[in-house]
Every structure is written in C-alpha cells, then in structure tokens.
C-alpha cells in the first residue's frame, strides 16, 4: 500500500515524528533501567520494534541495540535508497503534511507528497 500512496502513512506518523524531533518524547524509567543493566554487565542485547531510539538517548550503547524495524535517525527513498536526515523528513511533515489530530493549527490543510531529492519519486 505504501508504494502506491505514502500520504496516509505520513499523516498518521506526523504527530509522532514531530514530537520525537522536538524532544517531547523522552526516555522512561524502563529505558534507564536498560542502561543500568548494561552498566552492571547484565545486558547482552536489546531487540526492539521501537523506531524512536529512546534506548540510546537514555545512554544504552548503540552496539547493544538491534532495531528490528529500523530507526528514525535517517530516512531513505524506497526506490533509489538515497538517505535524508530525520530533520529534513520532519521539516517536510511540519510544512507539507496535514495534521489529522487537529492539534497543530499551523499545519497545511492538504498533504503534499514527499519527493525524493535524487530520483524525484514519491517514496
């Protein structure tokens, strides 16, 4: 479905991505517990489905974290694989993607697709 139309995904992930970029989302006690386990030599590896990287923000070594679904530090084109920074991605979301939560009054009324700066395709 994403290959055919990325706009619903961008609209659903807009709020989460903006909060992550703006540091509204912060590590919890559970994230810091993982760091404590690592400090005491009790942490071998973390396998996480989370894409927010809050484990590493809490201080867990990147080498200890395996992100099953990737992470939102860089974004890559689905077609040509050109990478863009998370900041560039969030800038597009902030100014070109409508807010389906209704919380951001500065968001546009209509979503524009995100085009790859390399191949020009949506994705």
Protein backbone atom coordinates (compact mmCIF):
# COMPACT_ATOMS: atom_id res chain seq x y z
CA UNK A 1 0.00 0.00 0.00
CA UNK A 2 2.84 2.41 0.88
CA UNK A 3 4.32 2.00 -2.61
CA UNK A 4 1.04 3.10 -4.16
CA UNK A 5 0.37 6.03 -1.82
CA UNK A 6 2.53 7.21 1.07
CA UNK A 7 0.24 10.05 2.13
CA UNK A 8 -1.89 8.17 4.72
CA UNK A 9 1.29 6.89 6.39
CA UNK A 10 2.79 10.38 6.52
CA UNK A 11 -0.42 11.78 8.02
CA UNK A 12 -0.58 9.06 10.68
CA UNK A 13 3.12 9.38 11.61
CA UNK A 14 3.23 13.21 11.53
CA UNK A 15 2.41 13.81 15.20
CA UNK A 16 4.77 11.07 16.47
CA UNK A 17 7.64 12.23 14.26
CA UNK A 18 7.30 15.90 15.22
CA UNK A 19 7.19 15.03 18.93
CA UNK A 20 10.23 12.81 18.55
CA UNK A 21 12.20 15.53 16.71
CA UNK A 22 11.12 18.25 19.15
CA UNK A 23 12.21 16.04 22.10
CA UNK A 24 8.69 15.91 23.53
CA UNK A 25 9.06 12.13 23.73
CA UNK A 26 11.65 11.21 26.34
CA UNK A 27 13.16 8.01 27.71
CA UNK A 28 11.17 6.39 30.51
CA UNK A 29 12.32 4.60 33.65
CA UNK A 30 12.35 1.38 31.61
CA UNK A 31 14.88 2.87 29.18
CA UNK A 32 17.11 3.97 32.05
CA UNK A 33 16.76 0.52 33.63
CA UNK A 34 18.29 -0.94 30.45
CA UNK A 35 21.23 1.45 30.84
CA UNK A 36 21.64 0.35 34.46
CA UNK A 37 21.65 -3.31 33.40
CA UNK A 38 24.32 -2.51 30.81
CA UNK A 39 26.46 -0.70 33.38
CA UNK A 40 26.36 -3.79 35.60
CA UNK A 41 27.27 -6.15 32.75
CA UNK A 42 23.83 -7.77 32.71
CA UNK A 43 22.69 -6.61 29.27
CA UNK A 44 23.72 -8.66 26.27
CA UNK A 45 21.47 -7.24 23.54
CA UNK A 46 18.18 -5.39 23.15
CA UNK A 47 15.89 -6.41 20.31
CA UNK A 48 13.30 -3.68 19.88
CA UNK A 49 10.46 -2.95 17.49
CA UNK A 50 10.55 0.70 18.54
CA UNK A 51 11.91 3.16 15.99
CA UNK A 52 12.33 6.07 18.40
CA UNK A 53 15.89 5.24 19.62
CA UNK A 54 14.97 6.25 23.17
CA UNK A 55 17.18 3.42 24.49
CA UNK A 56 20.28 5.11 23.10
CA UNK A 57 19.05 8.51 24.23
CA UNK A 58 18.93 7.03 27.75
CA UNK A 59 22.58 6.07 27.33
CA UNK A 60 22.48 2.44 26.19
CA UNK A 61 25.34 1.71 23.76
CA UNK A 62 24.25 1.63 20.12
CA UNK A 63 26.08 -1.70 19.75
CA UNK A 64 23.68 -3.28 22.27
CA UNK A 65 20.51 -2.23 20.42
CA UNK A 66 19.09 -4.11 17.43
CA UNK A 67 16.23 -2.16 15.84
CA UNK A 68 14.00 -4.76 14.18
CA UNK A 69 12.02 -2.20 12.17
CA UNK A 70 14.84 0.28 11.68
CA UNK A 71 15.19 3.64 13.37
CA UNK A 72 14.17 7.18 12.64
CA UNK A 73 17.61 8.75 12.54
CA UNK A 74 17.72 8.71 8.75
CA UNK A 75 15.05 8.22 6.12
CA UNK A 76 15.75 6.62 2.76
CA UNK A 77 13.92 6.64 -0.55
CA UNK A 78 12.01 3.41 -1.12
CA UNK A 79 13.20 3.32 -4.74
CA UNK A 80 16.77 4.69 -5.06
CA UNK A 81 17.74 4.38 -1.35
CA UNK A 82 19.06 7.95 -1.11
CA UNK A 83 19.18 8.91 2.54
CA UNK A 84 17.81 12.10 4.05
CA UNK A 85 18.21 13.24 7.62
CA UNK A 86 15.38 12.84 10.09
CA UNK A 87 15.38 16.64 10.44
CA UNK A 88 14.71 17.05 6.68
CA UNK A 89 11.91 14.47 6.87
CA UNK A 90 10.28 16.22 9.84
CA UNK A 91 10.59 19.61 8.15
CA UNK A 92 8.59 18.19 5.24
CA UNK A 93 5.98 16.74 7.62
CA UNK A 94 5.67 20.01 9.51
CA UNK A 95 5.11 22.16 6.40
CA UNK A 96 3.59 19.82 3.79
CA UNK A 97 1.51 17.21 5.64
CA UNK A 98 -1.87 17.90 7.21
CA UNK A 99 -2.40 17.22 10.90
CA UNK A 100 -5.11 14.57 11.30
CA UNK A 101 -5.12 15.04 15.10
CA UNK A 102 -6.36 18.62 14.77
CA UNK A 103 -3.82 19.85 17.34
CA UNK A 104 -1.50 21.82 15.02
CA UNK A 105 -3.30 24.87 13.69
CA UNK A 106 -0.25 25.83 11.62
CA UNK A 107 -0.35 22.59 9.60
CA UNK A 108 -1.44 22.74 5.96
CA UNK A 109 -4.99 21.77 5.01
CA UNK A 110 -3.82 19.36 2.32
CA UNK A 111 -0.95 16.87 2.24
CA UNK A 112 1.69 17.12 -0.46
CA UNK A 113 3.75 14.04 -1.32
CA UNK A 114 7.38 13.88 -0.25
CA UNK A 115 9.51 13.63 -3.36
CA UNK A 116 12.99 12.16 -3.32
CA UNK A 117 15.65 14.81 -3.97
CA UNK A 118 17.58 12.27 -6.04
CA UNK A 119 15.11 10.32 -8.21
CA UNK A 120 12.06 12.59 -7.85
CA UNK A 121 9.66 9.76 -6.99
CA UNK A 122 7.29 9.56 -4.02
CA UNK A 123 8.73 7.20 -1.52
